[in-house]
Amino acid sequence: MATIITDLRNNFRRGSIHIRLVYLNVAVFVLVALTGIVLRLFNLPSPSLFQWFEVPASLPRLAVQPWSVLTYTFLHANIFHLLFNMLWLYWFGALFLRFFSAKHLRGLYLLSGICGALLYVAAYNLFPYFRPLAGYSFLLGASASVLGIVAAAAYREPNYPIQLLFLGTVRLKYLALIVIGMDVLLITAENAGGHIAHLGGAIAGLWFAARLSKGTDLTRWINRAADWVESLFSPRPRKPKMKVHYNANADRQKDYDYNARKKAQNDEIDRILDKLKKSGYESLTTDEKKTLFDASQR
């Protein structure tokens, strides 16, 4: 058992961001399932506990559990719900990383989840058809986050070929349109809240990709918050005790080299920005886009 846990921990650390998200979703599902079993053995009401991490359609209830707009994206109703979402996250997460960075995927996963939850709550409180259900309706699942990733990839590379069983090759834009169109058509069917959240996640993905093509990263604030939270749980390296000897000439040489590198970097960024203004984002090379993105993260 110890070896299995060690292997899982090592695979999680070595895995790409979409693999880590799959691991987190599966781990949460197993933890919730085991907790539910223990509670039922003692005749305790497990659903009332888990609802604190699901998004309620009721505005007063949401006001006392605002964290649920994030936590619900890691909860699933059953094994098939989890399996479907994780397969999509695995496939389209890998595709997304061909066009965007790992931080973009992490940030968009959370941003799409938030937008999906907000659209769900808004619909259940604005439309008379859903309003009677708002008091006892809850939302859970990673679908909105996954649809945001699919929509962003489709916006970035609409003609990318996707191989589907029995259907053959389909362009990514058509696959995204089919999925989003089905959610629109099923918006008043069973699981209406899930379909509404899907639309919110897809809108977030399109919004993110469109703004990023113009140089604005909508996930930047989320990634900064996520980095801060991650730093709270990361062990701080111990500072070695050593004597430091200063060399004035060496320090001056280091300052000169640093300033020279800094000036060269600034000149390169200015050149890329001029090119962006004249010819647009699509005219940039892959290295220029990466340089511009790295500069925006500093």
Protein backbone atom coordinates (compact mmCIF):
# COMPACT_ATOMS: atom_id res chain seq x y z
CA MET A 1 0.00 0.00 0.00
CA ALA A 2 2.83 2.41 0.86
CA THR A 3 4.42 1.75 -2.53
CA ILE A 4 1.16 2.49 -4.34
CA ILE A 5 0.74 5.78 -2.49
CA THR A 6 4.33 6.73 -3.25
CA ASP A 7 3.87 5.92 -6.95
CA LEU A 8 0.68 7.99 -7.10
CA ARG A 9 2.38 10.91 -5.36
CA ASN A 10 5.33 10.78 -7.77
CA ASN A 11 3.03 10.53 -10.81
CA PHE A 12 1.08 13.52 -9.55
CA ARG A 13 4.23 15.61 -9.13
CA ARG A 14 5.60 14.67 -12.55
CA GLY A 15 2.30 15.01 -14.38
CA SER A 16 1.15 17.96 -16.48
CA ILE A 17 -1.45 20.30 -15.04
CA HIS A 18 -4.40 18.48 -16.67
CA ILE A 19 -3.14 15.18 -15.23
CA ARG A 20 -2.93 16.78 -11.79
CA LEU A 21 -6.48 18.06 -12.10
CA VAL A 22 -7.64 14.55 -13.01
CA TYR A 23 -5.84 13.17 -9.94
CA LEU A 24 -7.44 15.82 -7.72
CA ASN A 25 -10.93 15.10 -9.02
CA VAL A 26 -10.52 11.35 -8.55
CA ALA A 27 -9.04 11.80 -5.07
CA VAL A 28 -11.93 14.06 -4.00
CA PHE A 29 -14.46 11.59 -5.40
CA VAL A 30 -12.92 8.69 -3.46
CA LEU A 31 -12.71 10.78 -0.27
CA VAL A 32 -16.35 11.89 -0.54
CA ALA A 33 -17.51 8.33 -1.27
CA LEU A 34 -15.65 6.88 1.73
CA THR A 35 -16.88 9.69 3.99
CA GLY A 36 -20.45 9.03 2.84
CA ILE A 37 -20.11 5.34 3.65
CA VAL A 38 -18.85 6.07 7.17
CA LEU A 39 -21.64 8.58 7.81
CA ARG A 40 -24.31 6.17 6.62
CA LEU A 41 -22.95 3.45 8.90
CA PHE A 42 -23.68 5.77 11.82
CA ASN A 43 -27.04 6.89 10.37
CA LEU A 44 -25.79 10.44 9.86
CA PRO A 45 -27.15 12.65 7.03
CA SER A 46 -24.29 12.79 4.53
CA PRO A 47 -26.00 14.87 1.77
CA SER A 48 -26.36 17.88 4.05
CA LEU A 49 -22.59 17.86 4.65
CA PHE A 50 -21.60 17.67 0.99
CA GLN A 51 -24.06 20.40 -0.03
CA TRP A 52 -21.77 22.92 1.66
CA PHE A 53 -19.35 22.34 -1.22
CA GLU A 54 -21.94 22.34 -4.02
CA VAL A 55 -23.28 25.56 -5.58
CA PRO A 56 -26.81 26.33 -4.34
CA ALA A 57 -29.21 28.10 -6.68
CA SER A 58 -30.55 30.00 -3.69
CA LEU A 59 -28.89 33.42 -3.31
CA PRO A 60 -29.15 33.52 0.53
CA ARG A 61 -27.57 30.06 0.74
CA LEU A 62 -24.83 31.04 -1.72
CA ALA A 63 -24.04 34.12 0.39
CA VAL A 64 -23.02 31.90 3.33
CA GLN A 65 -20.97 29.46 1.22
CA PRO A 66 -19.30 31.54 -1.52
CA TRP A 67 -16.37 29.08 -1.70
CA SER A 68 -18.70 26.60 -3.39
CA VAL A 69 -18.25 28.35 -6.78
CA LEU A 70 -14.78 26.75 -6.75
CA THR A 71 -15.23 23.55 -4.75
CA TYR A 72 -18.15 22.26 -6.83
CA THR A 73 -15.84 21.77 -9.82
CA PHE A 74 -14.13 18.90 -7.96
CA LEU A 75 -17.33 17.07 -6.93
CA HIS A 76 -19.24 14.47 -8.98
CA ALA A 77 -22.56 12.74 -8.50
CA ASN A 78 -21.42 9.23 -9.48
CA ILE A 79 -18.64 7.25 -11.14
CA PHE A 80 -20.00 7.76 -14.67
CA HIS A 81 -20.28 11.51 -14.15
CA LEU A 82 -16.65 11.53 -13.01
CA LEU A 83 -15.45 9.23 -15.82
CA PHE A 84 -17.04 11.29 -18.59
CA ASN A 85 -15.66 14.60 -17.32
CA MET A 86 -12.17 13.22 -16.65
CA LEU A 87 -11.90 11.68 -20.12
CA TRP A 88 -12.76 15.03 -21.68
CA LEU A 89 -10.35 16.82 -19.36
CA TYR A 90 -7.57 14.35 -20.22
CA TRP A 91 -8.08 14.56 -24.00
CA PHE A 92 -8.81 18.23 -24.41
CA GLY A 93 -6.44 19.30 -21.64
CA ALA A 94 -3.57 17.79 -23.61
CA LEU A 95 -4.83 19.54 -26.76
CA PHE A 96 -5.18 22.86 -24.91
CA LEU A 97 -1.54 22.68 -23.78
CA ARG A 98 -0.41 22.63 -27.42
CA PHE A 99 -1.66 26.19 -27.82
CA PHE A 100 -1.55 27.66 -24.31
CA SER A 101 0.52 27.36 -21.12
CA ALA A 102 -0.05 25.19 -18.05
CA LYS A 103 -0.95 28.24 -15.99
CA HIS A 104 -3.53 29.20 -18.58
CA LEU A 105 -5.17 25.78 -18.19
CA ARG A 106 -5.20 25.97 -14.41
CA GLY A 107 -6.59 29.50 -14.44
CA LEU A 108 -9.21 28.76 -17.11
CA TYR A 109 -10.37 25.63 -15.28
CA LEU A 110 -11.22 27.82 -12.28
CA LEU A 111 -12.49 30.80 -14.29
CA SER A 112 -14.85 28.63 -16.36
CA GLY A 113 -16.12 26.98 -13.20
CA ILE A 114 -16.87 30.37 -11.63
CA CYS A 115 -18.63 31.65 -14.75
CA GLY A 116 -20.65 28.44 -15.05
CA ALA A 117 -21.78 28.73 -11.42
CA LEU A 118 -22.72 32.40 -11.76
CA LEU A 119 -24.79 31.79 -14.92
CA TYR A 120 -26.51 28.85 -13.20
CA VAL A 121 -27.45 30.94 -10.15
CA ALA A 122 -28.55 33.87 -12.32
CA ALA A 123 -30.80 31.68 -14.50
CA TYR A 124 -32.48 30.01 -11.53
CA ASN A 125 -33.28 33.37 -9.95
CA LEU A 126 -34.22 35.37 -13.07
CA PHE A 127 -36.34 32.99 -15.15
CA PRO A 128 -39.81 32.12 -13.79
CA TYR A 129 -39.45 28.58 -15.19
CA PHE A 130 -36.55 27.81 -12.79
CA ARG A 131 -37.41 30.09 -9.85
CA PRO A 132 -39.59 27.54 -7.95
CA LEU A 133 -36.62 25.12 -7.98
CA ALA A 134 -34.03 27.58 -6.66
CA GLY A 135 -34.60 26.72 -3.01
CA TYR A 136 -33.48 23.10 -3.29
CA SER A 137 -31.28 22.92 -6.40
CA PHE A 138 -27.52 22.41 -6.27
CA LEU A 139 -24.77 22.25 -8.90
CA LEU A 140 -21.69 20.01 -8.95
CA GLY A 141 -19.24 18.64 -11.50
CA ALA A 142 -16.28 19.72 -13.62
CA SER A 143 -18.30 20.00 -16.85
CA ALA A 144 -18.33 23.81 -16.99
CA SER A 145 -14.56 23.93 -16.48
CA VAL A 146 -13.96 21.28 -19.16
CA LEU A 147 -16.25 23.03 -21.66
CA GLY A 148 -14.30 26.24 -21.10
CA ILE A 149 -11.09 24.42 -22.05
CA VAL A 150 -12.72 22.90 -25.15
CA ALA A 151 -14.15 26.27 -26.26
CA ALA A 152 -10.82 28.07 -25.82
CA ALA A 153 -8.96 25.44 -27.85
CA ALA A 154 -11.64 25.60 -30.58
CA TYR A 155 -11.33 29.39 -30.76
CA ARG A 156 -7.54 29.21 -30.97
CA GLU A 157 -7.37 26.39 -33.57
CA PRO A 158 -10.87 25.99 -35.07
CA ASN A 159 -9.77 23.71 -37.91
CA TYR A 160 -7.75 21.30 -35.77
CA PRO A 161 -8.72 17.72 -36.79
CA ILE A 162 -10.28 15.49 -34.12
CA GLN A 163 -10.61 11.74 -34.65
CA LEU A 164 -13.98 10.43 -33.42
CA LEU A 165 -15.05 6.80 -33.24
CA PHE A 166 -17.51 5.89 -36.05
CA LEU A 167 -17.53 9.50 -37.32
CA GLY A 168 -13.94 9.85 -38.49
CA THR A 169 -12.22 13.23 -38.62
CA VAL A 170 -14.15 16.27 -37.38
CA ARG A 171 -12.83 19.81 -37.11
CA LEU A 172 -12.61 21.08 -33.56
CA LYS A 173 -14.91 24.05 -34.19
CA TYR A 174 -17.74 21.75 -35.30
CA LEU A 175 -17.32 19.51 -32.28
CA ALA A 176 -17.48 22.53 -29.98
CA LEU A 177 -20.55 23.88 -31.79
CA ILE A 178 -22.32 20.52 -31.50
CA VAL A 179 -21.66 20.26 -27.77
CA ILE A 180 -22.66 23.86 -27.06
CA GLY A 181 -25.71 23.55 -29.32
CA MET A 182 -26.90 20.47 -27.43
CA ASP A 183 -26.65 22.37 -24.14
CA VAL A 184 -28.79 25.17 -25.61
CA LEU A 185 -31.43 22.72 -26.84
CA LEU A 186 -31.51 20.88 -23.49
CA ILE A 187 -31.63 23.99 -21.32
CA THR A 188 -35.15 23.15 -20.06
CA ALA A 189 -34.69 19.37 -19.91
CA GLU A 190 -33.58 17.23 -16.99
CA ASN A 191 -30.30 18.48 -15.50
CA ALA A 192 -31.09 21.97 -16.79
CA GLY A 193 -28.69 23.48 -14.26
CA GLY A 194 -25.81 21.45 -15.66
CA HIS A 195 -26.53 22.57 -19.23
CA ILE A 196 -26.71 26.22 -18.13
CA ALA A 197 -23.38 25.88 -16.32
CA HIS A 198 -21.87 24.32 -19.46
CA LEU A 199 -22.84 27.42 -21.42
CA GLY A 200 -21.28 29.66 -18.77
CA GLY A 201 -18.04 27.69 -18.93
CA ALA A 202 -17.99 27.78 -22.75
CA ILE A 203 -18.55 31.55 -22.74
CA ALA A 204 -15.63 31.93 -20.33
CA GLY A 205 -13.39 29.85 -22.59
CA LEU A 206 -14.25 31.92 -25.67
CA TRP A 207 -13.84 35.15 -23.72
CA PHE A 208 -10.43 34.06 -22.44
CA ALA A 209 -9.11 33.01 -25.87
CA ALA A 210 -10.43 36.15 -27.57
CA ARG A 211 -8.89 38.48 -25.01
CA LEU A 212 -5.59 36.59 -24.96
CA SER A 213 -5.30 37.00 -28.73
CA LYS A 214 -5.27 40.75 -28.04
CA GLY A 215 -2.68 40.48 -25.29
CA THR A 216 -4.92 40.38 -22.18
CA ASP A 217 -4.74 37.33 -19.90
CA LEU A 218 -8.04 36.97 -17.99
CA THR A 219 -6.61 34.17 -15.84
CA ARG A 220 -3.74 36.23 -14.46
CA TRP A 221 -5.50 37.24 -11.23
CA ILE A 222 -6.66 33.67 -10.61
CA ASN A 223 -3.17 32.29 -11.12
CA ARG A 224 -1.72 34.85 -8.74
CA ALA A 225 -4.22 33.82 -6.08
CA ALA A 226 -3.54 30.12 -6.77
CA ASP A 227 0.22 30.67 -6.53
CA TRP A 228 -0.24 32.42 -3.18
CA VAL A 229 -2.37 29.56 -1.82
CA GLU A 230 0.14 27.00 -3.12
CA SER A 231 2.99 28.87 -1.42
CA LEU A 232 1.25 28.45 1.94
CA PHE A 233 1.60 24.67 1.64
CA SER A 234 5.05 24.58 0.08
CA PRO A 235 7.99 23.95 2.43
CA ARG A 236 10.30 26.91 2.70
CA PRO A 237 13.94 26.11 1.89
CA ARG A 238 16.34 26.50 4.78
CA LYS A 239 18.96 29.15 4.36
CA PRO A 240 22.46 27.65 4.69
CA LYS A 241 24.74 29.18 7.25
CA MET A 242 27.79 30.49 5.50
CA LYS A 243 30.13 33.40 5.47
CA VAL A 244 29.76 35.75 2.56
CA HIS A 245 32.77 37.60 1.19
CA TYR A 246 32.06 40.64 -0.91
CA ASN A 247 34.09 41.63 -3.92
CA ALA A 248 33.39 45.19 -5.03
CA ASN A 249 34.75 44.69 -8.56
CA ALA A 250 32.76 41.49 -9.04
CA ASP A 251 29.59 43.22 -7.82
CA ARG A 252 30.06 46.09 -10.26
CA GLN A 253 30.61 43.61 -13.11
CA LYS A 254 27.42 41.72 -12.13
CA ASP A 255 25.45 44.98 -12.06
CA TYR A 256 26.77 45.89 -15.50
CA ASP A 257 25.86 42.47 -16.92
CA TYR A 258 22.41 42.60 -15.32
CA ASN A 259 21.68 46.05 -16.70
CA ALA A 260 22.84 44.99 -20.16
CA ARG A 261 20.57 41.92 -20.12
CA LYS A 262 17.68 44.00 -18.80
CA LYS A 263 18.08 46.57 -21.57
CA ALA A 264 18.22 43.85 -24.23
CA GLN A 265 15.05 42.26 -22.85
CA ASN A 266 13.23 45.61 -22.78
CA ASP A 267 14.31 46.36 -26.34
CA GLU A 268 13.02 42.96 -27.48
CA ILE A 269 9.65 43.48 -25.73
CA ASP A 270 9.32 46.96 -27.29
CA ARG A 271 9.98 45.45 -30.72
CA ILE A 272 7.34 42.75 -30.19
CA LEU A 273 4.79 45.32 -28.97
CA ASP A 274 5.42 47.47 -32.04
CA LYS A 275 4.89 44.41 -34.24
CA LEU A 276 1.70 43.57 -32.30
CA LYS A 277 0.28 47.06 -32.89
CA LYS A 278 1.12 47.05 -36.59
CA SER A 279 0.24 43.48 -37.62
CA GLY A 280 -1.84 41.96 -34.81
CA TYR A 281 -1.32 39.07 -32.40
CA GLU A 282 -1.41 36.34 -35.07
CA SER A 283 1.65 37.85 -36.79
CA LEU A 284 3.84 37.00 -33.79
CA THR A 285 5.99 33.89 -33.82
CA THR A 286 5.69 31.25 -31.11
CA ASP A 287 8.86 32.54 -29.40
CA GLU A 288 7.59 36.13 -29.53
CA LYS A 289 4.25 35.11 -28.00
CA LYS A 290 6.09 33.25 -25.23
CA THR A 291 8.37 36.23 -24.58
CA LEU A 292 5.35 38.55 -24.36
CA PHE A 293 3.53 36.17 -22.03
CA ASP A 294 6.56 35.74 -19.74
CA ALA A 295 6.95 39.51 -19.54
CA SER A 296 3.30 39.91 -18.52
CA GLN A 297 3.79 37.49 -15.61
CA ARG A 298 6.61 39.49 -14.01
